[in-house]
């Protein structure tokens, strides 16, 4: 099984456990590593046989911007479930970083792995 990756997907979101965080947008940075068999696409040269990373990026961005969130853990779980359901991805690793969470850190984040990864 191969891997299709999207690295550094930046999405401005309403996220945080503090009341003031629900009134602002903060950046989240996602890394998605999706298990996918690329052999058919490699042979056909057709996007119809590939995991369309532009389409994945669009649906993930729409999900993250569709509501307010408390924890980045929630975002990671929902993103993984959406991709597995929508694109029939058998396994996925989702990393969600919140670079503005801790001023003295470059970023904080969580990584989850779901399915056959």
PDB file of N, CA and C in Angstrom:
ATOM      1  N   UNK A   1       0.850  -1.177   0.000  1.00  0.00           N
ATOM      2  CA  UNK A   1       0.000   0.000   0.000  1.00  0.00           C
ATOM      3  C   UNK A   1       0.894   1.238   0.000  1.00  0.00           C
ATOM      4  N   UNK A   2       0.489   2.224  -0.747  1.00  0.00           N
ATOM      5  CA  UNK A   2       1.250   3.462  -0.892  1.00  0.00           C
ATOM      6  C   UNK A   2       0.686   4.530   0.041  1.00  0.00           C
ATOM      7  N   UNK A   3       1.308   5.695   0.011  1.00  0.00           N
ATOM      8  CA  UNK A   3       0.854   6.810   0.838  1.00  0.00           C
ATOM      9  C   UNK A   3       0.730   8.057  -0.017  1.00  0.00           C
ATOM     10  N   UNK A   4      -0.387   8.745   0.130  1.00  0.00           N
ATOM     11  CA  UNK A   4      -0.589  10.063  -0.469  1.00  0.00           C
ATOM     12  C   UNK A   4      -0.577  11.054   0.686  1.00  0.00           C
ATOM     13  N   UNK A   5       0.255  12.089   0.568  1.00  0.00           N
ATOM     14  CA  UNK A   5       0.428  13.045   1.666  1.00  0.00           C
ATOM     15  C   UNK A   5       0.003  14.450   1.280  1.00  0.00           C
ATOM     16  N   UNK A   6      -0.545  15.134   2.247  1.00  0.00           N
ATOM     17  CA  UNK A   6      -0.791  16.576   2.159  1.00  0.00           C
ATOM     18  C   UNK A   6      -0.117  17.162   3.389  1.00  0.00           C
ATOM     19  N   UNK A   7       0.868  18.011   3.179  1.00  0.00           N
ATOM     20  CA  UNK A   7       1.680  18.536   4.278  1.00  0.00           C
ATOM     21  C   UNK A   7       1.539  20.053   4.329  1.00  0.00           C
ATOM     22  N   UNK A   8       1.273  20.560   5.526  1.00  0.00           N
ATOM     23  CA  UNK A   8       1.218  22.010   5.708  1.00  0.00           C
ATOM     24  C   UNK A   8      -0.074  22.642   5.244  1.00  0.00           C
ATOM     25  N   UNK A   9      -1.190  21.916   5.320  1.00  0.00           N
ATOM     26  CA  UNK A   9      -2.491  22.475   4.946  1.00  0.00           C
ATOM     27  C   UNK A   9      -2.918  23.453   6.030  1.00  0.00           C
ATOM     28  N   UNK A  10      -2.848  24.734   5.740  1.00  0.00           N
ATOM     29  CA  UNK A  10      -3.164  25.768   6.722  1.00  0.00           C
ATOM     30  C   UNK A  10      -4.625  26.173   6.582  1.00  0.00           C
ATOM     31  N   UNK A  11      -5.334  26.117   7.717  1.00  0.00           N
ATOM     32  CA  UNK A  11      -6.756  26.456   7.746  1.00  0.00           C
ATOM     33  C   UNK A  11      -7.003  27.365   8.938  1.00  0.00           C
ATOM     34  N   UNK A  12      -7.570  28.530   8.705  1.00  0.00           N
ATOM     35  CA  UNK A  12      -7.957  29.409   9.799  1.00  0.00           C
ATOM     36  C   UNK A  12      -9.271  28.911  10.378  1.00  0.00           C
ATOM     37  N   UNK A  13      -9.292  28.710  11.693  1.00  0.00           N
ATOM     38  CA  UNK A  13     -10.439  28.081  12.344  1.00  0.00           C
ATOM     39  C   UNK A  13     -10.791  28.793  13.643  1.00  0.00           C
ATOM     40  N   UNK A  14     -12.025  28.594  14.048  1.00  0.00           N
ATOM     41  CA  UNK A  14     -12.458  29.018  15.375  1.00  0.00           C
ATOM     42  C   UNK A  14     -12.235  27.820  16.284  1.00  0.00           C
ATOM     43  N   UNK A  15     -11.232  27.946  17.169  1.00  0.00           N
ATOM     44  CA  UNK A  15     -10.854  26.794  17.992  1.00  0.00           C
ATOM     45  C   UNK A  15     -10.268  27.257  19.307  1.00  0.00           C
ATOM     46  N   UNK A  16     -10.627  26.572  20.367  1.00  0.00           N
ATOM     47  CA  UNK A  16     -10.038  26.834  21.667  1.00  0.00           C
ATOM     48  C   UNK A  16     -11.010  26.591  22.794  1.00  0.00           C
ATOM     49  N   UNK A  17     -10.464  26.351  23.980  1.00  0.00           N
ATOM     50  CA  UNK A  17     -11.293  26.064  25.149  1.00  0.00           C
ATOM     51  C   UNK A  17     -11.642  27.313  25.945  1.00  0.00           C
ATOM     52  N   UNK A  18     -10.986  28.417  25.625  1.00  0.00           N
ATOM     53  CA  UNK A  18     -11.270  29.671  26.329  1.00  0.00           C
ATOM     54  C   UNK A  18     -12.303  30.476  25.563  1.00  0.00           C
ATOM     55  N   UNK A  19     -13.154  31.185  26.293  1.00  0.00           N
ATOM     56  CA  UNK A  19     -14.224  31.964  25.664  1.00  0.00           C
ATOM     57  C   UNK A  19     -13.690  32.907  24.595  1.00  0.00           C
ATOM     58  N   UNK A  20     -12.577  33.588  24.879  1.00  0.00           N
ATOM     59  CA  UNK A  20     -12.052  34.565  23.926  1.00  0.00           C
ATOM     60  C   UNK A  20     -11.604  33.914  22.624  1.00  0.00           C
ATOM     61  N   UNK A  21     -11.243  32.627  22.685  1.00  0.00           N
ATOM     62  CA  UNK A  21     -10.804  31.935  21.478  1.00  0.00           C
ATOM     63  C   UNK A  21     -11.962  31.665  20.517  1.00  0.00           C
ATOM     64  N   UNK A  22     -13.166  31.655  21.059  1.00  0.00           N
ATOM     65  CA  UNK A  22     -14.332  31.418  20.215  1.00  0.00           C
ATOM     66  C   UNK A  22     -14.750  32.665  19.438  1.00  0.00           C
ATOM     67  N   UNK A  23     -14.066  33.778  19.699  1.00  0.00           N
ATOM     68  CA  UNK A  23     -14.365  35.034  19.003  1.00  0.00           C
ATOM     69  C   UNK A  23     -13.331  35.401  17.950  1.00  0.00           C
ATOM     70  N   UNK A  24     -12.324  34.538  17.741  1.00  0.00           N
ATOM     71  CA  UNK A  24     -11.258  34.851  16.789  1.00  0.00           C
ATOM     72  C   UNK A  24     -10.965  33.641  15.897  1.00  0.00           C
ATOM     73  N   UNK A  25     -10.253  33.890  14.833  1.00  0.00           N
ATOM     74  CA  UNK A  25      -9.738  32.811  14.003  1.00  0.00           C
ATOM     75  C   UNK A  25      -8.286  32.562  14.368  1.00  0.00           C
ATOM     76  N   UNK A  26      -7.919  31.283  14.414  1.00  0.00           N
ATOM     77  CA  UNK A  26      -6.541  30.894  14.676  1.00  0.00           C
ATOM     78  C   UNK A  26      -6.115  29.872  13.627  1.00  0.00           C
ATOM     79  N   UNK A  27      -4.845  29.892  13.257  1.00  0.00           N
ATOM     80  CA  UNK A  27      -4.406  28.939  12.244  1.00  0.00           C
ATOM     81  C   UNK A  27      -4.224  27.531  12.811  1.00  0.00           C
ATOM     82  N   UNK A  28      -4.655  26.572  12.025  1.00  0.00           N
ATOM     83  CA  UNK A  28      -4.323  25.174  12.260  1.00  0.00           C
ATOM     84  C   UNK A  28      -3.513  24.719  11.054  1.00  0.00           C
ATOM     85  N   UNK A  29      -2.559  23.843  11.289  1.00  0.00           N
ATOM     86  CA  UNK A  29      -1.758  23.291  10.204  1.00  0.00           C
ATOM     87  C   UNK A  29      -1.901  21.770  10.263  1.00  0.00           C
ATOM     88  N   UNK A  30      -2.361  21.206   9.158  1.00  0.00           N
ATOM     89  CA  UNK A  30      -2.626  19.774   9.109  1.00  0.00           C
ATOM     90  C   UNK A  30      -1.634  19.049   8.205  1.00  0.00           C
ATOM     91  N   UNK A  31      -1.323  17.835   8.613  1.00  0.00           N
ATOM     92  CA  UNK A  31      -0.572  16.908   7.770  1.00  0.00           C
ATOM     93  C   UNK A  31      -1.394  15.635   7.675  1.00  0.00           C
ATOM     94  N   UNK A  32      -1.685  15.227   6.450  1.00  0.00           N
ATOM     95  CA  UNK A  32      -2.486  14.042   6.197  1.00  0.00           C
ATOM     96  C   UNK A  32      -1.642  13.040   5.435  1.00  0.00           C
ATOM     97  N   UNK A  33      -1.558  11.831   5.956  1.00  0.00           N
ATOM     98  CA  UNK A  33      -0.867  10.738   5.274  1.00  0.00           C
ATOM     99  C   UNK A  33      -1.890   9.623   5.110  1.00  0.00           C
ATOM    100  N   UNK A  34      -2.284   9.415   3.852  1.00  0.00           N
ATOM    101  CA  UNK A  34      -3.392   8.521   3.550  1.00  0.00           C
ATOM    102  C   UNK A  34      -2.902   7.305   2.780  1.00  0.00           C
ATOM    103  N   UNK A  35      -3.261   6.131   3.258  1.00  0.00           N
ATOM    104  CA  UNK A  35      -2.898   4.887   2.580  1.00  0.00           C
ATOM    105  C   UNK A  35      -3.742   4.775   1.314  1.00  0.00           C
ATOM    106  N   UNK A  36      -3.075   4.465   0.213  1.00  0.00           N
ATOM    107  CA  UNK A  36      -3.781   4.404  -1.063  1.00  0.00           C
ATOM    108  C   UNK A  36      -2.944   3.588  -2.044  1.00  0.00           C
ATOM    109  N   UNK A  37      -3.590   2.798  -2.855  1.00  0.00           N
ATOM    110  CA  UNK A  37      -2.896   2.039  -3.888  1.00  0.00           C
ATOM    111  C   UNK A  37      -2.782   2.921  -5.127  1.00  0.00           C
ATOM    112  N   UNK A  38      -1.587   3.391  -5.403  1.00  0.00           N
ATOM    113  CA  UNK A  38      -1.358   4.293  -6.537  1.00  0.00           C
ATOM    114  C   UNK A  38      -1.099   3.565  -7.849  1.00  0.00           C
ATOM    115  N   UNK A  39      -1.058   2.237  -7.853  1.00  0.00           N
ATOM    116  CA  UNK A  39      -0.656   1.502  -9.060  1.00  0.00           C
ATOM    117  C   UNK A  39      -1.618   1.718 -10.227  1.00  0.00           C
ATOM    118  N   UNK A  40      -2.906   1.755  -9.972  1.00  0.00           N
ATOM    119  CA  UNK A  40      -3.876   1.945 -11.059  1.00  0.00           C
ATOM    120  C   UNK A  40      -3.715   3.328 -11.691  1.00  0.00           C
ATOM    121  N   UNK A  41      -3.568   4.352 -10.864  1.00  0.00           N
ATOM    122  CA  UNK A  41      -3.375   5.714 -11.381  1.00  0.00           C
ATOM    123  C   UNK A  41      -2.063   5.829 -12.134  1.00  0.00           C
ATOM    124  N   UNK A  42      -1.046   5.150 -11.650  1.00  0.00           N
ATOM    125  CA  UNK A  42       0.256   5.194 -12.318  1.00  0.00           C
ATOM    126  C   UNK A  42       0.179   4.580 -13.713  1.00  0.00           C
ATOM    127  N   UNK A  43      -0.635   3.559 -13.852  1.00  0.00           N
ATOM    128  CA  UNK A  43      -0.782   2.908 -15.161  1.00  0.00           C
ATOM    129  C   UNK A  43      -1.685   3.698 -16.098  1.00  0.00           C
ATOM    130  N   UNK A  44      -2.777   4.230 -15.558  1.00  0.00           N
ATOM    131  CA  UNK A  44      -3.765   4.901 -16.417  1.00  0.00           C
ATOM    132  C   UNK A  44      -3.444   6.372 -16.674  1.00  0.00           C
ATOM    133  N   UNK A  45      -2.760   7.016 -15.720  1.00  0.00           N
ATOM    134  CA  UNK A  45      -2.509   8.443 -15.839  1.00  0.00           C
ATOM    135  C   UNK A  45      -3.758   9.275 -15.614  1.00  0.00           C
ATOM    136  N   UNK A  46      -4.799   8.676 -15.055  1.00  0.00           N
ATOM    137  CA  UNK A  46      -6.085   9.353 -14.866  1.00  0.00           C
ATOM    138  C   UNK A  46      -6.303   9.748 -13.411  1.00  0.00           C
ATOM    139  N   UNK A  47      -6.748  10.979 -13.219  1.00  0.00           N
ATOM    140  CA  UNK A  47      -7.079  11.454 -11.869  1.00  0.00           C
ATOM    141  C   UNK A  47      -8.224  10.637 -11.268  1.00  0.00           C
ATOM    142  N   UNK A  48      -9.047  10.044 -12.123  1.00  0.00           N
ATOM    143  CA  UNK A  48     -10.158   9.221 -11.629  1.00  0.00           C
ATOM    144  C   UNK A  48      -9.681   7.988 -10.877  1.00  0.00           C
ATOM    145  N   UNK A  49      -8.439   7.578 -11.124  1.00  0.00           N
ATOM    146  CA  UNK A  49      -7.875   6.409 -10.450  1.00  0.00           C
ATOM    147  C   UNK A  49      -6.976   6.791  -9.272  1.00  0.00           C
ATOM    148  N   UNK A  50      -6.812   8.081  -9.064  1.00  0.00           N
ATOM    149  CA  UNK A  50      -5.922   8.576  -8.012  1.00  0.00           C
ATOM    150  C   UNK A  50      -6.732   9.081  -6.823  1.00  0.00           C
ATOM    151  N   UNK A  51      -6.068   9.232  -5.702  1.00  0.00           N
ATOM    152  CA  UNK A  51      -6.660   9.930  -4.567  1.00  0.00           C
ATOM    153  C   UNK A  51      -6.423  11.415  -4.825  1.00  0.00           C
ATOM    154  N   UNK A  52      -7.475  12.125  -5.108  1.00  0.00           N
ATOM    155  CA  UNK A  52      -7.392  13.516  -5.531  1.00  0.00           C
ATOM    156  C   UNK A  52      -7.113  14.415  -4.325  1.00  0.00           C
ATOM    157  N   UNK A  53      -5.852  14.800  -4.148  1.00  0.00           N
ATOM    158  CA  UNK A  53      -5.478  15.577  -2.970  1.00  0.00           C
ATOM    159  C   UNK A  53      -6.095  16.963  -2.974  1.00  0.00           C
ATOM    160  N   UNK A  54      -6.423  17.514  -4.140  1.00  0.00           N
ATOM    161  CA  UNK A  54      -7.123  18.806  -4.174  1.00  0.00           C
ATOM    162  C   UNK A  54      -8.532  18.656  -3.598  1.00  0.00           C
ATOM    163  N   UNK A  55      -9.211  17.574  -3.965  1.00  0.00           N
ATOM    164  CA  UNK A  55     -10.552  17.325  -3.436  1.00  0.00           C
ATOM    165  C   UNK A  55     -10.502  17.050  -1.938  1.00  0.00           C
ATOM    166  N   UNK A  56      -9.511  16.278  -1.500  1.00  0.00           N
ATOM    167  CA  UNK A  56      -9.350  16.023  -0.066  1.00  0.00           C
ATOM    168  C   UNK A  56      -9.140  17.336   0.682  1.00  0.00           C
ATOM    169  N   UNK A  57      -8.253  18.178   0.178  1.00  0.00           N
ATOM    170  CA  UNK A  57      -7.967  19.467   0.830  1.00  0.00           C
ATOM    171  C   UNK A  57      -9.210  20.324   0.933  1.00  0.00           C
ATOM    172  N   UNK A  58     -10.014  20.328  -0.117  1.00  0.00           N
ATOM    173  CA  UNK A  58     -11.240  21.134  -0.127  1.00  0.00           C
ATOM    174  C   UNK A  58     -12.232  20.663   0.926  1.00  0.00           C
ATOM    175  N   UNK A  59     -12.506  19.355   0.998  1.00  0.00           N
ATOM    176  CA  UNK A  59     -13.498  18.879   1.968  1.00  0.00           C
ATOM    177  C   UNK A  59     -13.004  19.031   3.403  1.00  0.00           C
ATOM    178  N   UNK A  60     -11.709  18.869   3.609  1.00  0.00           N
ATOM    179  CA  UNK A  60     -11.147  19.051   4.954  1.00  0.00           C
ATOM    180  C   UNK A  60     -11.260  20.513   5.371  1.00  0.00           C
ATOM    181  N   UNK A  61     -10.914  21.421   4.485  1.00  0.00           N
ATOM    182  CA  UNK A  61     -11.021  22.857   4.783  1.00  0.00           C
ATOM    183  C   UNK A  61     -12.466  23.228   5.089  1.00  0.00           C
ATOM    184  N   UNK A  62     -13.387  22.741   4.283  1.00  0.00           N
ATOM    185  CA  UNK A  62     -14.812  23.032   4.517  1.00  0.00           C
ATOM    186  C   UNK A  62     -15.268  22.512   5.876  1.00  0.00           C
ATOM    187  N   UNK A  63     -14.845  21.305   6.247  1.00  0.00           N
ATOM    188  CA  UNK A  63     -15.218  20.753   7.552  1.00  0.00           C
ATOM    189  C   UNK A  63     -14.678  21.611   8.681  1.00  0.00           C
ATOM    190  N   UNK A  64     -13.400  21.920   8.641  1.00  0.00           N
ATOM    191  CA  UNK A  64     -12.765  22.655   9.740  1.00  0.00           C
ATOM    192  C   UNK A  64     -13.371  24.047   9.880  1.00  0.00           C
ATOM    193  N   UNK A  65     -13.747  24.668   8.789  1.00  0.00           N
ATOM    194  CA  UNK A  65     -14.308  26.018   8.846  1.00  0.00           C
ATOM    195  C   UNK A  65     -15.820  26.028   9.060  1.00  0.00           C
ATOM    196  N   UNK A  66     -16.451  24.865   9.109  1.00  0.00           N
ATOM    197  CA  UNK A  66     -17.915  24.789   9.202  1.00  0.00           C
ATOM    198  C   UNK A  66     -18.476  25.010  10.600  1.00  0.00           C
ATOM    199  N   UNK A  67     -17.617  24.971  11.604  1.00  0.00           N
ATOM    200  CA  UNK A  67     -18.102  25.091  12.989  1.00  0.00           C
ATOM    201  C   UNK A  67     -16.971  25.549  13.883  1.00  0.00           C
ATOM    202  N   UNK A  68     -17.308  25.810  15.135  1.00  0.00           N
ATOM    203  CA  UNK A  68     -16.263  26.116  16.112  1.00  0.00           C
ATOM    204  C   UNK A  68     -15.874  24.816  16.818  1.00  0.00           C
ATOM    205  N   UNK A  69     -14.619  24.786  17.268  1.00  0.00           N
ATOM    206  CA  UNK A  69     -14.050  23.593  17.881  1.00  0.00           C
ATOM    207  C   UNK A  69     -13.494  23.946  19.247  1.00  0.00           C
ATOM    208  N   UNK A  70     -13.431  22.963  20.128  1.00  0.00           N
ATOM    209  CA  UNK A  70     -12.801  23.153  21.424  1.00  0.00           C
ATOM    210  C   UNK A  70     -11.349  22.696  21.398  1.00  0.00           C
ATOM    211  N   UNK A  71     -11.151  21.454  20.997  1.00  0.00           N
ATOM    212  CA  UNK A  71      -9.823  20.839  21.040  1.00  0.00           C
ATOM    213  C   UNK A  71      -9.357  20.393  19.662  1.00  0.00           C
ATOM    214  N   UNK A  72      -8.053  20.409  19.465  1.00  0.00           N
ATOM    215  CA  UNK A  72      -7.521  19.918  18.196  1.00  0.00           C
ATOM    216  C   UNK A  72      -7.729  18.407  18.057  1.00  0.00           C
ATOM    217  N   UNK A  73      -7.895  17.724  19.164  1.00  0.00           N
ATOM    218  CA  UNK A  73      -8.190  16.291  19.115  1.00  0.00           C
ATOM    219  C   UNK A  73      -9.512  16.035  18.380  1.00  0.00           C
ATOM    220  N   UNK A  74     -10.497  16.908  18.618  1.00  0.00           N
ATOM    221  CA  UNK A  74     -11.789  16.797  17.917  1.00  0.00           C
ATOM    222  C   UNK A  74     -11.604  16.953  16.416  1.00  0.00           C
ATOM    223  N   UNK A  75     -10.802  17.929  16.042  1.00  0.00           N
ATOM    224  CA  UNK A  75     -10.547  18.185  14.630  1.00  0.00           C
ATOM    225  C   UNK A  75      -9.909  16.956  13.986  1.00  0.00           C
ATOM    226  N   UNK A  76      -8.896  16.411  14.621  1.00  0.00           N
ATOM    227  CA  UNK A  76      -8.195  15.253  14.076  1.00  0.00           C
ATOM    228  C   UNK A  76      -9.147  14.076  13.853  1.00  0.00           C
ATOM    229  N   UNK A  77      -9.973  13.780  14.843  1.00  0.00           N
ATOM    230  CA  UNK A  77     -10.908  12.650  14.731  1.00  0.00           C
ATOM    231  C   UNK A  77     -11.908  12.860  13.604  1.00  0.00           C
ATOM    232  N   UNK A  78     -12.469  14.056  13.524  1.00  0.00           N
ATOM    233  CA  UNK A  78     -13.477  14.336  12.502  1.00  0.00           C
ATOM    234  C   UNK A  78     -12.877  14.331  11.095  1.00  0.00           C
ATOM    235  N   UNK A  79     -11.674  14.858  10.959  1.00  0.00           N
ATOM    236  CA  UNK A  79     -10.996  14.857   9.662  1.00  0.00           C
ATOM    237  C   UNK A  79     -10.712  13.422   9.225  1.00  0.00           C
ATOM    238  N   UNK A  80     -10.198  12.602  10.118  1.00  0.00           N
ATOM    239  CA  UNK A  80      -9.912  11.206   9.774  1.00  0.00           C
ATOM    240  C   UNK A  80     -11.182  10.487   9.332  1.00  0.00           C
ATOM    241  N   UNK A  81     -12.250  10.653  10.081  1.00  0.00           N
ATOM    242  CA  UNK A  81     -13.516   9.983   9.750  1.00  0.00           C
ATOM    243  C   UNK A  81     -14.051  10.457   8.403  1.00  0.00           C
ATOM    244  N   UNK A  82     -13.983  11.753   8.157  1.00  0.00           N
ATOM    245  CA  UNK A  82     -14.472  12.303   6.892  1.00  0.00           C
ATOM    246  C   UNK A  82     -13.706  11.732   5.701  1.00  0.00           C
ATOM    247  N   UNK A  83     -12.402  11.713   5.796  1.00  0.00           N
ATOM    248  CA  UNK A  83     -11.588  11.227   4.677  1.00  0.00           C
ATOM    249  C   UNK A  83     -11.808   9.735   4.458  1.00  0.00           C
ATOM    250  N   UNK A  84     -11.858   8.970   5.532  1.00  0.00           N
ATOM    251  CA  UNK A  84     -12.067   7.536   5.373  1.00  0.00           C
ATOM    252  C   UNK A  84     -13.429   7.238   4.750  1.00  0.00           C
ATOM    253  N   UNK A  85     -14.433   7.980   5.149  1.00  0.00           N
ATOM    254  CA  UNK A  85     -15.779   7.761   4.628  1.00  0.00           C
ATOM    255  C   UNK A  85     -15.927   8.264   3.204  1.00  0.00           C
ATOM    256  N   UNK A  86     -15.508   9.479   2.965  1.00  0.00           N
ATOM    257  CA  UNK A  86     -15.730  10.124   1.664  1.00  0.00           C
ATOM    258  C   UNK A  86     -14.869   9.528   0.561  1.00  0.00           C
ATOM    259  N   UNK A  87     -13.612   9.241   0.873  1.00  0.00           N
ATOM    260  CA  UNK A  87     -12.673   8.809  -0.161  1.00  0.00           C
ATOM    261  C   UNK A  87     -12.298   7.331  -0.072  1.00  0.00           C
ATOM    262  N   UNK A  88     -12.915   6.619   0.871  1.00  0.00           N
ATOM    263  CA  UNK A  88     -12.666   5.177   1.026  1.00  0.00           C
ATOM    264  C   UNK A  88     -11.191   4.871   1.255  1.00  0.00           C
ATOM    265  N   UNK A  89     -10.544   5.707   2.045  1.00  0.00           N
ATOM    266  CA  UNK A  89      -9.139   5.520   2.392  1.00  0.00           C
ATOM    267  C   UNK A  89      -9.061   4.472   3.501  1.00  0.00           C
ATOM    268  N   UNK A  90      -8.306   3.391   3.312  1.00  0.00           N
ATOM    269  CA  UNK A  90      -8.288   2.322   4.310  1.00  0.00           C
ATOM    270  C   UNK A  90      -7.537   2.669   5.592  1.00  0.00           C
ATOM    271  N   UNK A  91      -6.621   3.608   5.522  1.00  0.00           N
ATOM    272  CA  UNK A  91      -5.864   3.992   6.706  1.00  0.00           C
ATOM    273  C   UNK A  91      -5.371   5.424   6.563  1.00  0.00           C
ATOM    274  N   UNK A  92      -5.234   6.091   7.707  1.00  0.00           N
ATOM    275  CA  UNK A  92      -4.852   7.495   7.664  1.00  0.00           C
ATOM    276  C   UNK A  92      -4.136   7.907   8.941  1.00  0.00           C
ATOM    277  N   UNK A  93      -3.191   8.800   8.782  1.00  0.00           N
ATOM    278  CA  UNK A  93      -2.550   9.484   9.898  1.00  0.00           C
ATOM    279  C   UNK A  93      -2.886  10.965   9.734  1.00  0.00           C
ATOM    280  N   UNK A  94      -3.420  11.560  10.789  1.00  0.00           N
ATOM    281  CA  UNK A  94      -3.787  12.980  10.770  1.00  0.00           C
ATOM    282  C   UNK A  94      -3.036  13.689  11.885  1.00  0.00           C
ATOM    283  N   UNK A  95      -2.271  14.687  11.501  1.00  0.00           N
ATOM    284  CA  UNK A  95      -1.576  15.540  12.467  1.00  0.00           C
ATOM    285  C   UNK A  95      -2.215  16.923  12.396  1.00  0.00           C
ATOM    286  N   UNK A  96      -2.608  17.449  13.553  1.00  0.00           N
ATOM    287  CA  UNK A  96      -3.178  18.790  13.626  1.00  0.00           C
ATOM    288  C   UNK A  96      -2.313  19.600  14.590  1.00  0.00           C
ATOM    289  N   UNK A  97      -1.774  20.687  14.081  1.00  0.00           N
ATOM    290  CA  UNK A  97      -0.958  21.583  14.904  1.00  0.00           C
ATOM    291  C   UNK A  97      -1.671  22.917  15.086  1.00  0.00           C
ATOM    292  N   UNK A  98      -1.454  23.510  16.261  1.00  0.00           N
ATOM    293  CA  UNK A  98      -1.977  24.837  16.584  1.00  0.00           C
ATOM    294  C   UNK A  98      -0.772  25.705  16.966  1.00  0.00           C
ATOM    295  N   UNK A  99      -0.217  26.423  15.981  1.00  0.00           N
ATOM    296  CA  UNK A  99       1.034  27.143  16.225  1.00  0.00           C
ATOM    297  C   UNK A  99       0.923  28.305  17.216  1.00  0.00           C
ATOM    298  N   UNK A 100      -0.263  28.807  17.473  1.00  0.00           N
ATOM    299  CA  UNK A 100      -0.401  29.955  18.378  1.00  0.00           C
ATOM    300  C   UNK A 100      -0.765  29.553  19.806  1.00  0.00           C
ATOM    301  N   UNK A 101      -0.828  28.257  20.103  1.00  0.00           N
ATOM    302  CA  UNK A 101      -1.311  27.799  21.412  1.00  0.00           C
ATOM    303  C   UNK A 101      -0.368  28.120  22.561  1.00  0.00           C
ATOM    304  N   UNK A 102       0.923  27.927  22.361  1.00  0.00           N
ATOM    305  CA  UNK A 102       1.912  28.150  23.415  1.00  0.00           C
ATOM    306  C   UNK A 102       2.946  29.133  22.865  1.00  0.00           C
ATOM    307  N   UNK A 103       2.959  30.348  23.388  1.00  0.00           N
ATOM    308  CA  UNK A 103       3.843  31.378  22.820  1.00  0.00           C
ATOM    309  C   UNK A 103       5.317  30.996  22.752  1.00  0.00           C
ATOM    310  N   UNK A 104       5.789  30.203  23.680  1.00  0.00           N
ATOM    311  CA  UNK A 104       7.211  29.844  23.688  1.00  0.00           C
ATOM    312  C   UNK A 104       7.536  28.620  22.830  1.00  0.00           C
ATOM    313  N   UNK A 105       6.523  28.050  22.165  1.00  0.00           N
ATOM    314  CA  UNK A 105       6.731  26.886  21.304  1.00  0.00           C
ATOM    315  C   UNK A 105       6.438  27.255  19.852  1.00  0.00           C
ATOM    316  N   UNK A 106       7.130  26.612  18.942  1.00  0.00           N
ATOM    317  CA  UNK A 106       6.835  26.814  17.524  1.00  0.00           C
ATOM    318  C   UNK A 106       5.421  26.341  17.225  1.00  0.00           C
ATOM    319  N   UNK A 107       5.031  25.227  17.818  1.00  0.00           N
ATOM    320  CA  UNK A 107       3.700  24.689  17.606  1.00  0.00           C
ATOM    321  C   UNK A 107       3.435  23.593  18.625  1.00  0.00           C
ATOM    322  N   UNK A 108       2.168  23.292  18.821  1.00  0.00           N
ATOM    323  CA  UNK A 108       1.754  22.114  19.579  1.00  0.00           C
ATOM    324  C   UNK A 108       0.822  21.322  18.674  1.00  0.00           C
ATOM    325  N   UNK A 109       0.712  20.028  18.906  1.00  0.00           N
ATOM    326  CA  UNK A 109      -0.142  19.258  18.032  1.00  0.00           C
ATOM    327  C   UNK A 109      -0.437  17.873  18.539  1.00  0.00           C
ATOM    328  N   UNK A 110      -1.331  17.212  17.816  1.00  0.00           N
ATOM    329  CA  UNK A 110      -1.663  15.819  18.072  1.00  0.00           C
ATOM    330  C   UNK A 110      -1.606  15.074  16.747  1.00  0.00           C
ATOM    331  N   UNK A 111      -1.274  13.808  16.838  1.00  0.00           N
ATOM    332  CA  UNK A 111      -1.295  12.929  15.670  1.00  0.00           C
ATOM    333  C   UNK A 111      -2.101  11.698  16.030  1.00  0.00           C
ATOM    334  N   UNK A 112      -3.043  11.358  15.146  1.00  0.00           N
ATOM    335  CA  UNK A 112      -3.811  10.130  15.343  1.00  0.00           C
ATOM    336  C   UNK A 112      -3.635   9.236  14.120  1.00  0.00           C
ATOM    337  N   UNK A 113      -3.799   7.953  14.318  1.00  0.00           N
ATOM    338  CA  UNK A 113      -3.731   6.980  13.239  1.00  0.00           C
ATOM    339  C   UNK A 113      -5.004   6.151  13.318  1.00  0.00           C
ATOM    340  N   UNK A 114      -5.692   6.044  12.184  1.00  0.00           N
ATOM    341  CA  UNK A 114      -6.946   5.293  12.136  1.00  0.00           C
ATOM    342  C   UNK A 114      -6.926   4.349  10.942  1.00  0.00           C
ATOM    343  N   UNK A 115      -7.564   3.215  11.107  1.00  0.00           N
ATOM    344  CA  UNK A 115      -7.660   2.259  10.029  1.00  0.00           C
ATOM    345  C   UNK A 115      -6.394   1.446   9.858  1.00  0.00           C
ATOM    346  N   UNK A 116      -6.271   0.826   8.701  1.00  0.00           N
ATOM    347  CA  UNK A 116      -5.118  -0.025   8.379  1.00  0.00           C
ATOM    348  C   UNK A 116      -3.972   0.839   7.892  1.00  0.00           C
ATOM    349  N   UNK A 117      -3.164   1.282   8.816  1.00  0.00           N
ATOM    350  CA  UNK A 117      -2.063   2.183   8.433  1.00  0.00           C
ATOM    351  C   UNK A 117      -0.751   1.497   8.585  1.00  0.00           C
TER     352      UNK A 117
END
